[in-house]
Amino acid sequence: MTEEPVTTPPVAHRRLFIASMVALLVFAGAVTTPAICLRQMGEVFGMDLGDRGFVAAVRVAMVLFGVLLTGYLADRMGKGPFLVAGLTLLAAGLALTTFAGSFGALLMTQAVMGLGAGAMEAQVNPLVAELHPKNPARALNVVNGLFSIGVVASALMSGEILEAGGGWRACFWVWVLPALVGASLFATRRYPRAAIENHAPDGQGFLKMPLFWLLAVAMVCGGGCEAGLTYWGPNFTEAEFGATARAGAWSTVMFGGFMAAGRFASGGLVSRISPIMLLMVSAVGCVGATLGLSFVSSVQGVWALFGLGGLFIACSWPTILAIASAHIGNSTTMFAVLAAFGIGGCTIFPWAIGAIGDLAGLRVGVVILPISMAIQAVVLVAVWRMGAGCGSPSTESCD
């Protein structure tokens, strides 16, 4: 008597790809909404600039914890449970924020949001790389483009709700249902089997590779700059020019709109130029755009500079992850640790900008941004010299 072969259900490529886009759309809404509502929340809870930066730091610190914990577990238990749980927890945190009655309660709800977002963030990018093993850079830039669209959508909706007198709490409810929809889309067993091809001899061997540590520094700089632009755009416009909530929101709309265009364009450009060259050119451009924030003299100039900042920072996060996938391996643990460095930058930079802003003004605080991108450009030159991003996982020089 012969045994019937065990069949594996086909991978739900389309469903999981759509779910990944929904997840990053919601993630963007969850991190952008507090930024748009920052002034109103600050008035309610008596927060100075440092306190406002600390709200972001608490949330992103929990994202970091969630990424590291679930990234390690997912290599052993699968991605699905953490994606479903992450988006469900994110929805709960968004809803709970609307009931916060004190600064301490607000911090706790932001921590819940951060933990859920971290559980989701740790899995989405490696899942997309597994779904598109032949061209991860293109797929990752396209999916992460939905994050940028989420930034724009959140800024527009929140700005209009505030302008109409709807109150900041109403802005958070907008993203609860989409988060639950994303969780339901991830609730399937039809995930791809991870093809972990770590070029180092053991599962954590990437920690011994110089290339990983260079990419980690680049992630800190890029993630921190992106978070600083996302979080402080509205408050910078309102604080420096006395602008309305709507005008402040448009700084984020410009940032997110140009970042979306940059990510979708990067998805096509990586088939024509090397990913590392795209990153280096973008880093230099971002230095110029963010440096201009210290000298800008009009609200329209702020919008233009935030737009350029979004355009140039767009390719940083997904393209660095794509280089790591191609030249180091596709372990979820590696993705999680690398993302953790980027999230570390997201934790430190918004708080540091606010803390420096309390002492010397936001125009001085935002100088952190061009400095970080100049450091990233130098690090990327070292990555280029190692051969990463030149089309093969070689460690030889490109020249």
Foldseek 3Di string as FASTA:
>chain_A
DDDDDDDADAFPLVLLLVLLLLLLLLVLLLLQLCLLCVVVVCVQAVDALLLSLQLLLLLLVLLLVLLQVLLVCCLPVNLLVLQLQLLLQLLVLLLQCLVDRYSVSNSVSSSSNSNSSSSNVLPSLLQQCQSPVPQSLLSLLLSNLSNLVSLLVLLQVQLVCVVVVVDSSVSSNVSNVSSNVSSVSSPDPNGDDFPWDFVADDDPRVVVDPLLVLLLLLLLLLLLLLLQLSRCQLVLLCVVPVDGSSLSSLLSNLLSVLLSVLSNVSSVCCVPDFLLVLLLVLLVQLLVLLLCLLPDDDSVSSSVSSNSNSNSSNSRVSSSVVLCCQQGTSRSSSSSVSNSSNSVSSSPLSSQLSVVCVVPRNSVSSNSNSVSSVVSSVSSVVSQCLVGRVPHNHRHHPD
